[in-house]
Protein backbone atom coordinates (compact mmCIF):
# COMPACT_ATOMS: atom_id res chain seq x y z
CA UNK A 1 4.00 224.71 251.10
CA UNK A 2 4.36 228.30 249.92
CA UNK A 3 7.67 229.14 248.26
CA UNK A 4 6.88 232.80 247.56
CA UNK A 5 6.35 235.60 250.06
CA UNK A 6 2.73 235.86 248.90
CA UNK A 7 1.90 232.22 249.64
CA UNK A 8 4.11 231.91 252.70
CA UNK A 9 2.31 230.56 255.75
CA UNK A 10 4.44 232.94 257.83
CA UNK A 11 4.67 236.11 255.73
CA UNK A 12 1.63 235.71 253.49
CA UNK A 13 -0.79 237.90 255.45
CA UNK A 14 1.85 240.59 255.90
CA UNK A 15 2.69 240.97 252.22
CA UNK A 16 -0.76 240.14 250.84
CA UNK A 17 -4.31 239.25 251.88
CA UNK A 18 -6.41 236.12 251.85
CA UNK A 19 -9.06 237.81 249.72
CA UNK A 20 -6.63 238.79 246.96
CA UNK A 21 -4.90 235.41 246.98
CA UNK A 22 -8.30 233.83 246.49
CA UNK A 23 -8.94 236.03 243.42
CA UNK A 24 -5.76 234.78 241.74
CA UNK A 25 -5.89 231.20 243.03
CA UNK A 26 -5.90 228.15 240.75
CA UNK A 27 -9.41 227.30 241.88
CA UNK A 28 -10.84 230.75 241.14
CA UNK A 29 -9.09 230.98 237.78
CA UNK A 30 -10.41 227.53 236.81
CA UNK A 31 -13.86 228.54 238.04
CA UNK A 32 -13.72 231.49 235.69
CA UNK A 33 -12.86 229.17 232.77
CA UNK A 34 -15.93 227.12 233.63
CA UNK A 35 -18.12 230.21 234.03
CA UNK A 36 -17.14 231.32 230.54
CA UNK A 37 -17.73 227.89 228.98
CA UNK A 38 -21.13 227.77 230.71
CA UNK A 39 -22.07 231.24 229.45
CA UNK A 40 -20.88 230.36 225.94
CA UNK A 41 -23.04 227.22 225.87
CA UNK A 42 -26.08 229.14 227.13
CA UNK A 43 -25.73 231.80 224.45
CA UNK A 44 -24.98 229.40 221.60
CA UNK A 45 -27.87 227.15 222.61
CA UNK A 46 -30.19 230.12 222.65
CA UNK A 47 -28.99 231.19 219.20
CA UNK A 48 -29.26 227.67 217.79
CA UNK A 49 -25.56 227.49 217.04
CA UNK A 50 -25.25 224.31 219.11
CA UNK A 51 -28.10 221.93 220.00
CA UNK A 52 -30.05 223.04 223.06
CA UNK A 53 -29.65 219.53 224.48
CA UNK A 54 -25.87 219.94 224.27
CA UNK A 55 -26.02 223.37 225.87
CA UNK A 56 -28.08 222.02 228.76
CA UNK A 57 -25.72 219.09 229.27
CA UNK A 58 -22.66 221.34 229.23
CA UNK A 59 -24.25 223.75 231.70
CA UNK A 60 -25.20 220.83 233.98
CA UNK A 61 -21.57 219.77 234.20
CA UNK A 62 -19.99 223.22 234.53
CA UNK A 63 -19.16 222.76 238.20
CA UNK A 64 -15.72 223.43 239.65
CA UNK A 65 -16.20 220.55 242.09
CA UNK A 66 -16.39 218.14 239.14
CA UNK A 67 -12.94 219.15 237.89
CA UNK A 68 -10.05 216.90 238.92
CA UNK A 69 -7.42 219.53 239.77
CA UNK A 70 -4.58 217.02 239.99
CA UNK A 71 -5.47 215.69 236.56
CA UNK A 72 -5.70 219.29 235.30
CA UNK A 73 -2.17 219.93 236.54
CA UNK A 74 -0.93 216.90 234.62
CA UNK A 75 -2.83 217.96 231.49
CA UNK A 76 -1.45 221.50 231.72
CA UNK A 77 2.12 220.24 232.09
CA UNK A 78 1.63 218.14 228.98
CA UNK A 79 -0.29 220.63 226.83
CA UNK A 80 1.18 223.90 228.07
CA UNK A 81 -2.15 225.60 228.84
CA UNK A 82 -4.91 224.69 231.31
CA UNK A 83 -7.95 225.64 229.22
CA UNK A 84 -7.84 222.60 226.94
CA UNK A 85 -7.56 220.38 230.01
CA UNK A 86 -10.71 221.95 231.47
CA UNK A 87 -12.57 221.53 228.17
CA UNK A 88 -11.46 217.89 227.91
CA UNK A 89 -12.74 217.15 231.40
CA UNK A 90 -16.05 218.91 230.72
CA UNK A 91 -16.41 216.94 227.49
CA UNK A 92 -15.80 213.69 229.31
CA UNK A 93 -18.39 214.55 231.94
CA UNK A 94 -21.14 215.06 229.36
CA UNK A 95 -23.22 212.13 228.10
CA UNK A 96 -23.63 210.98 224.51
CA UNK A 97 -20.72 213.07 223.24
CA UNK A 98 -22.75 216.26 223.79
CA UNK A 99 -19.65 217.74 225.38
CA UNK A 100 -18.11 217.96 221.90
CA UNK A 101 -20.09 221.21 221.53
CA UNK A 102 -18.28 222.76 224.51
CA UNK A 103 -15.89 225.61 223.61
CA UNK A 104 -17.55 225.92 220.17
CA UNK A 105 -15.65 228.42 218.03
CA UNK A 106 -13.47 229.62 220.90
CA UNK A 107 -9.72 229.50 221.29
CA UNK A 108 -7.60 229.05 224.40
CA UNK A 109 -6.66 232.70 224.59
CA UNK A 110 -10.31 233.81 224.43
CA UNK A 111 -11.06 231.88 227.58
CA UNK A 112 -7.79 232.77 229.29
CA UNK A 113 -8.03 236.50 228.61
CA UNK A 114 -11.67 236.73 229.56
CA UNK A 115 -11.00 234.84 232.77
CA UNK A 116 -8.15 237.23 233.53
CA UNK A 117 -10.48 240.19 233.03
CA UNK A 118 -12.99 238.62 235.42
CA UNK A 119 -10.20 238.21 237.98
CA UNK A 120 -9.09 241.79 237.40
CA UNK A 121 -12.65 242.92 238.08
CA UNK A 122 -12.64 241.13 241.44
CA UNK A 123 -9.15 242.41 242.27
CA UNK A 124 -10.04 246.00 241.44
CA UNK A 125 -13.11 245.77 243.68
CA UNK A 126 -10.84 244.88 246.62
CA UNK A 127 -8.47 247.73 245.76
CA UNK A 128 -11.39 250.16 245.47
CA UNK A 129 -12.60 249.19 248.94
CA UNK A 130 -9.15 249.69 250.46
CA UNK A 131 -8.62 253.03 248.70
CA UNK A 132 -11.98 254.21 250.01
CA UNK A 133 -10.96 253.32 253.57
CA UNK A 134 -7.54 254.96 253.17
CA UNK A 135 -9.24 258.07 251.80
CA UNK A 136 -11.53 258.21 254.84
CA UNK A 137 -8.56 257.83 257.22
CA UNK A 138 -6.63 260.61 255.50
CA UNK A 139 -9.71 262.84 255.54
CA UNK A 140 -10.02 262.34 259.30
CA UNK A 141 -6.37 263.26 259.84
CA UNK A 142 -6.68 266.27 257.53
CA UNK A 143 -9.76 267.51 259.36
CA UNK A 144 -8.40 266.99 262.87
CA UNK A 145 -5.00 268.53 262.10
CA UNK A 146 -6.08 271.25 259.68
CA UNK A 147 -4.34 273.88 261.81
CA UNK A 148 -1.65 271.80 263.54
CA UNK A 149 1.70 273.38 262.62
CA UNK A 150 4.47 271.04 261.50
CA UNK A 151 7.72 271.91 259.81
CA UNK A 152 7.80 271.49 256.07
CA UNK A 153 10.97 269.90 254.81
CA UNK A 154 12.96 270.40 251.62
CA UNK A 155 15.94 268.15 250.81
CA UNK A 156 15.46 266.76 254.33
CA UNK A 157 16.17 270.23 255.70
CA UNK A 158 13.72 272.33 257.69
CA UNK A 159 11.99 274.71 255.29
CA UNK A 160 8.90 276.65 256.44
CA UNK A 161 5.93 275.65 258.61
CA UNK A 162 2.94 273.91 257.05
CA UNK A 163 0.19 272.01 258.86
CA UNK A 164 -0.09 268.30 259.39
CA UNK A 165 -3.57 268.49 257.92
CA UNK A 166 -2.08 270.06 254.79
CA UNK A 167 0.48 267.25 254.59
CA UNK A 168 -2.25 264.60 254.86
CA UNK A 169 -4.64 266.38 252.50
CA UNK A 170 -2.00 266.59 249.77
CA UNK A 171 -1.72 262.79 249.84
CA UNK A 172 -5.50 262.47 250.12
CA UNK A 173 -5.90 264.43 246.88
CA UNK A 174 -3.65 261.90 245.16
CA UNK A 175 -5.60 258.95 246.55
CA UNK A 176 -8.81 260.52 245.25
CA UNK A 177 -7.22 260.82 241.81
CA UNK A 178 -6.45 257.10 241.98
CA UNK A 179 -10.11 256.40 242.73
CA UNK A 180 -11.04 258.50 239.72
CA UNK A 181 -8.51 256.64 237.56
CA UNK A 182 -9.96 253.34 238.75
CA UNK A 183 -13.46 254.33 237.68
CA UNK A 184 -12.16 255.45 234.29
CA UNK A 185 -10.03 252.40 233.55
CA UNK A 186 -12.82 249.97 234.39
CA UNK A 187 -14.64 251.14 231.27
CA UNK A 188 -11.66 250.28 229.08
CA UNK A 189 -10.31 247.23 230.87
CA UNK A 190 -13.40 245.19 231.77
CA UNK A 191 -13.81 243.95 228.22
CA UNK A 192 -13.94 240.28 227.31
CA UNK A 193 -12.31 238.42 224.44
CA UNK A 194 -13.94 236.03 221.96
CA UNK A 195 -12.36 235.98 218.54
CA UNK A 196 -11.30 232.45 217.69
CA UNK A 197 -7.96 231.43 216.20
CA UNK A 198 -6.77 234.82 214.88
CA UNK A 199 -9.56 237.00 216.18
CA UNK A 200 -11.87 237.00 213.12
CA UNK A 201 -14.44 234.48 214.46
CA UNK A 202 -14.11 232.57 211.18
CA UNK A 203 -14.89 229.35 213.05
CA UNK A 204 -18.53 230.35 213.56
CA UNK A 205 -20.41 230.39 210.27
CA UNK A 206 -23.44 232.29 211.47
CA UNK A 207 -24.29 234.26 214.59
CA UNK A 208 -20.65 234.98 215.41
CA UNK A 209 -21.10 238.57 216.54
CA UNK A 210 -24.34 237.69 218.29
CA UNK A 211 -22.49 234.98 220.19
CA UNK A 212 -19.81 237.44 221.21
CA UNK A 213 -22.36 240.03 222.32
CA UNK A 214 -24.42 237.49 224.25
CA UNK A 215 -21.37 236.01 225.94
CA UNK A 216 -20.21 239.39 227.19
CA UNK A 217 -23.70 240.22 228.40
CA UNK A 218 -23.85 236.95 230.35
CA UNK A 219 -20.49 237.74 231.97
CA UNK A 220 -21.20 241.42 232.59
CA UNK A 221 -18.28 242.56 230.44
CA UNK A 222 -17.99 245.02 227.58
CA UNK A 223 -17.98 243.62 224.03
CA UNK A 224 -14.77 244.44 222.16
CA UNK A 225 -14.96 246.16 218.79
CA UNK A 226 -12.13 243.96 217.56
CA UNK A 227 -9.95 241.18 218.92
CA UNK A 228 -7.14 242.23 221.28
CA UNK A 229 -5.17 238.97 221.49
CA UNK A 230 -1.87 240.75 220.88
CA UNK A 231 -2.88 244.34 221.66
CA UNK A 232 -2.34 244.37 225.40
CA UNK A 233 -2.65 248.04 226.38
CA UNK A 234 -5.58 247.42 228.73
CA UNK A 235 -3.67 244.86 230.78
CA UNK A 236 -0.62 247.14 230.84
CA UNK A 237 -2.87 249.99 231.96
CA UNK A 238 -3.94 247.94 234.95
CA UNK A 239 -0.28 247.35 235.78
CA UNK A 240 0.48 251.07 235.46
CA UNK A 241 -2.44 251.83 237.76
CA UNK A 242 -1.19 249.36 240.37
CA UNK A 243 2.25 250.96 240.14
CA UNK A 244 0.82 254.46 240.59
CA UNK A 245 -1.19 253.45 243.63
CA UNK A 246 1.89 251.76 245.05
CA UNK A 247 3.89 254.95 244.56
CA UNK A 248 1.41 256.89 246.68
CA UNK A 249 1.47 254.24 249.38
CA UNK A 250 5.26 254.38 249.31
CA UNK A 251 5.13 258.15 249.81
CA UNK A 252 3.04 257.63 252.95
CA UNK A 253 5.41 254.95 254.22
CA UNK A 254 8.48 257.08 253.55
CA UNK A 255 7.14 260.07 255.47
CA UNK A 256 6.03 257.91 258.39
CA UNK A 257 9.47 256.25 258.56
CA UNK A 258 11.23 259.60 258.61
CA UNK A 259 8.83 261.13 261.11
CA UNK A 260 9.22 258.12 263.45
CA UNK A 261 12.95 258.71 263.89
CA UNK A 262 13.85 259.43 267.53
CA UNK A 263 15.31 262.78 266.47
CA UNK A 264 11.94 263.71 264.93
CA UNK A 265 9.28 261.69 266.82
CA UNK A 266 6.29 263.51 265.31
CA UNK A 267 4.15 260.49 264.37
CA UNK A 268 4.16 256.77 265.11
CA UNK A 269 2.62 253.67 263.62
CA UNK A 270 -0.08 252.17 265.84
CA UNK A 271 1.29 250.60 268.99
CA UNK A 272 0.93 246.93 269.86
CA UNK A 273 2.98 245.11 272.51
CA UNK A 274 6.20 243.86 270.95
CA UNK A 275 5.45 245.30 267.52
CA UNK A 276 8.57 246.67 265.87
CA UNK A 277 10.83 245.66 268.74
CA UNK A 278 14.44 244.70 268.21
CA UNK A 279 15.99 241.39 269.27
CA UNK A 280 18.89 243.30 270.84
CA UNK A 281 17.73 246.89 271.44
CA UNK A 282 14.69 247.08 273.73
CA UNK A 283 14.20 250.81 273.18
CA UNK A 284 13.43 250.48 269.48
CA UNK A 285 10.00 250.88 267.85
CA UNK A 286 10.61 250.11 264.22
CA UNK A 287 8.25 251.30 261.44
CA UNK A 288 7.29 247.74 260.55
CA UNK A 289 4.28 248.37 258.32
CA UNK A 290 6.07 251.13 256.44
CA UNK A 291 9.00 248.82 255.75
CA UNK A 292 6.67 246.17 254.32
CA UNK A 293 4.85 248.76 252.22
CA UNK A 294 8.13 250.02 250.78
CA UNK A 295 9.29 246.52 249.84
CA UNK A 296 5.98 245.44 248.31
CA UNK A 297 5.37 248.50 246.15
CA UNK A 298 8.92 248.41 244.81
CA UNK A 299 8.23 244.97 243.34
CA UNK A 300 4.81 246.09 242.05
CA UNK A 301 6.54 248.79 240.02
CA UNK A 302 8.83 246.20 238.44
CA UNK A 303 5.80 244.10 237.53
CA UNK A 304 4.18 247.16 235.95
CA UNK A 305 7.22 247.45 233.70
CA UNK A 306 7.00 243.74 232.88
CA UNK A 307 3.38 244.15 231.80
CA UNK A 308 4.48 246.87 229.41
CA UNK A 309 7.09 244.47 228.03
CA UNK A 310 4.24 242.03 227.42
CA UNK A 311 2.70 244.56 225.02
CA UNK A 312 5.47 243.85 222.51
CA UNK A 313 3.69 240.88 220.97
CA UNK A 314 4.15 239.30 217.56
CA UNK A 315 1.46 239.14 214.87
CA UNK A 316 -2.05 237.89 215.83
CA UNK A 317 -1.04 235.35 218.50
CA UNK A 318 2.21 235.82 220.38
CA UNK A 319 5.15 233.60 221.28
CA UNK A 320 5.94 234.36 224.89
CA UNK A 321 5.09 237.93 225.86
CA UNK A 322 1.56 236.86 226.83
CA UNK A 323 2.86 234.51 229.50
CA UNK A 324 4.63 237.42 231.23
CA UNK A 325 1.19 238.54 232.35
CA UNK A 326 0.52 235.20 234.03
CA UNK A 327 3.52 235.81 236.29
CA UNK A 328 3.39 239.56 236.85
CA UNK A 329 -0.31 240.36 237.15
CA UNK A 330 -1.26 238.07 240.07
CA UNK A 331 1.86 239.01 242.03
CA UNK A 332 1.31 242.73 241.44
CA UNK A 333 -2.29 242.52 242.67
CA UNK A 334 -1.37 240.38 245.68
CA UNK A 335 1.54 242.57 246.77
CA UNK A 336 -0.45 245.77 246.33
CA UNK A 337 -3.25 244.29 248.43
CA UNK A 338 -0.75 243.75 251.22
CA UNK A 339 0.59 247.29 250.91
CA UNK A 340 -2.95 248.69 250.96
CA UNK A 341 -3.78 246.68 254.09
CA UNK A 342 -0.63 247.89 255.86
CA UNK A 343 -1.25 251.49 254.82
CA UNK A 344 -4.82 251.38 256.08
CA UNK A 345 -3.59 249.95 259.40
CA UNK A 346 -1.03 252.75 259.76
CA UNK A 347 -3.39 255.59 258.91
CA UNK A 348 -6.39 254.42 260.89
CA UNK A 349 -4.29 254.16 264.05
CA UNK A 350 -1.61 256.79 263.40
CA UNK A 351 -0.29 258.40 266.60
CA UNK A 352 0.31 262.13 266.10
CA UNK A 353 2.30 264.32 268.52
CA UNK A 354 1.54 268.03 267.92
CA UNK A 355 3.83 269.05 270.80
CA UNK A 356 6.80 267.31 269.18
CA UNK A 357 5.91 268.99 265.88
CA UNK A 358 6.01 272.41 267.52
CA UNK A 359 9.22 271.55 269.36
CA UNK A 360 10.88 270.67 266.05
CA UNK A 361 9.75 273.94 264.49
CA UNK A 362 11.53 275.77 267.32
CA UNK A 363 14.76 273.77 266.96
CA UNK A 364 16.43 276.35 264.75
CA UNK A 365 15.84 279.35 267.03
CA UNK A 366 13.59 280.92 264.44
CA UNK A 367 15.70 280.34 261.32
CA UNK A 368 12.78 278.60 259.60
CA UNK A 369 10.95 281.95 259.64
CA UNK A 370 13.63 283.67 257.54
CA UNK A 371 11.44 283.69 254.42
CA UNK A 372 8.64 285.39 256.36
CA UNK A 373 11.09 288.04 257.59
CA UNK A 374 12.50 288.53 254.11
CA UNK A 375 9.01 289.05 252.66
CA UNK A 376 8.13 291.41 255.53
CA UNK A 377 11.23 293.51 254.86
CA UNK A 378 10.82 293.48 251.08
CA UNK A 379 8.50 296.51 250.83
CA UNK A 380 11.02 298.60 252.79
CA UNK A 381 14.43 297.58 251.45
CA UNK A 382 13.65 295.44 248.40
CA UNK A 383 13.14 291.69 248.31
CA UNK A 384 16.55 290.77 246.86
CA UNK A 385 18.47 292.98 249.31
CA UNK A 386 16.32 291.67 252.15
CA UNK A 387 17.18 288.11 251.09
CA UNK A 388 20.92 288.74 251.22
CA UNK A 389 20.70 290.64 254.50
CA UNK A 390 18.59 287.98 256.24
CA UNK A 391 20.91 285.30 254.83
CA UNK A 392 23.88 286.95 256.54
CA UNK A 393 21.97 287.38 259.78
CA UNK A 394 20.96 283.71 259.75
CA UNK A 395 24.63 282.78 259.52
CA UNK A 396 25.31 285.09 262.47
CA UNK A 397 22.49 283.53 264.51
CA UNK A 398 23.93 280.07 263.85
CA UNK A 399 27.46 281.13 264.74
CA UNK A 400 26.40 282.86 267.95
CA UNK A 401 23.69 280.27 268.76
CA UNK A 402 21.15 283.02 269.39
CA UNK A 403 17.49 283.42 268.41
CA UNK A 404 17.06 284.98 264.98
CA UNK A 405 14.55 287.43 266.45
CA UNK A 406 17.22 288.96 268.72
CA UNK A 407 19.67 289.37 265.83
CA UNK A 408 16.99 290.99 263.66
CA UNK A 409 15.80 293.38 266.37
CA UNK A 410 19.36 294.65 266.91
CA UNK A 411 20.09 295.41 263.28
CA UNK A 412 19.80 299.13 262.35
CA UNK A 413 18.66 298.50 258.78
CA UNK A 414 15.76 296.47 260.13
CA UNK A 415 14.64 298.05 263.40
CA UNK A 416 14.23 301.38 261.69
CA UNK A 417 11.37 299.83 259.73
CA UNK A 418 10.02 297.06 261.95
CA UNK A 419 9.62 297.05 265.74
CA UNK A 420 10.52 294.02 267.81
CA UNK A 421 6.81 293.25 268.24
CA UNK A 422 6.30 293.31 264.49
CA UNK A 423 9.37 291.13 263.99
CA UNK A 424 8.01 288.72 266.60
CA UNK A 425 4.81 288.43 264.59
CA UNK A 426 6.85 287.65 261.48
CA UNK A 427 8.78 285.01 263.43
CA UNK A 428 5.66 283.28 264.76
CA UNK A 429 5.12 280.03 262.82
CA UNK A 430 1.36 280.22 263.36
CA UNK A 431 1.31 283.41 261.31
CA UNK A 432 3.03 281.85 258.30
CA UNK A 433 0.87 278.94 257.29
CA UNK A 434 -0.30 280.58 254.10
CA UNK A 435 -3.40 279.08 252.54
CA UNK A 436 -2.83 275.64 254.05
CA UNK A 437 -6.22 275.59 255.76
CA UNK A 438 -8.04 276.79 252.66
CA UNK A 439 -6.41 274.07 250.57
CA UNK A 440 -7.29 271.39 253.13
CA UNK A 441 -10.89 272.57 253.04
CA UNK A 442 -10.95 272.39 249.25
CA UNK A 443 -9.74 268.78 249.26
CA UNK A 444 -12.26 267.80 251.93
CA UNK A 445 -15.08 269.58 250.13
CA UNK A 446 -14.36 267.63 246.96
CA UNK A 447 -14.88 264.39 248.92
CA UNK A 448 -18.46 265.39 249.59
């Protein structure tokens, strides 16, 4: 029975995904412990550090299906860590006490940290796949709506027109930066740990560095230059990355929520019968996915902060900060996976209403074109004076509830310089989109 939202049989696939839960499951984590012990035996047998017969026997028994998980739970509750329980069971499975050579020269944290890195590698692969799909969805929206005018908003107020493609491409550029960050952090983060008690490998008399190098090669991880038992920047970097990605997903969710309001109605999450309906108000179409995204990424950010707290570790082996990672890292990955899934769903099926976008631009009777008018008047009467004059005329247009164009065309300080036709051009939103299209094209070109 799942007690957390991630493991809930009801909410689990809303707030997370089966694939990411599997990455951080007890079985997969324990499998990673066994994979490391197997690789260690292979390398140490090859180097002659342990008898080849022992290495072969250990490898033969490194099978997750041979581990008694209930017994491992009991051992972990007694010992405090699961690695020793795994090693004890492997030892018992081996004949003629050959299992005594299992875990030779290693310490619990070596196995735990390296297993965590292997899980991180799998988790990042899932995130990479989702980011790639989200990038493709945003690129499609940017391309299709490159020239679709929509009002830009500042402090929730109508500002000047932009395009919906511009709005999507700005987010797309951020997603692409996340993909770049992911590629860069893999080099630093996907690094194993094998240092022994305090990181010096003093427990292996000969072939210590060769063992470490061979182990990492077997596992496909980078070899560390020095032990990082209590230097946790790489794990914290992963948390920071998850938090950054979550922030971008939250930005998408926030804009979709605001644009789905009845008073705005410019975009909608994908429709499905009954989705987002209210138990009492049949007319409602709630932004369900966006709400879940917002909730999930807010918790991810808190976990990112917790992982930075875990960096404050004492001496060569810590007394508590390490365990913070055991709580925060799996939950952060699982919640972000859910947010990524919901975001992909929203973007791949996003309903866009260009007519509603244009209608909203026209709501203010042309007031949103005041900057364009000010800039058009600037060469004739000065930009600052034009600003103050247009400001006063905007107030007049609001008071009289008349189109700004009519007020402008009647004013003697303006019509002496600009005809009504010229003023109409300045008040046309399609003529004041700046370099939006050029910028969209630049973002899309970088994808190629």
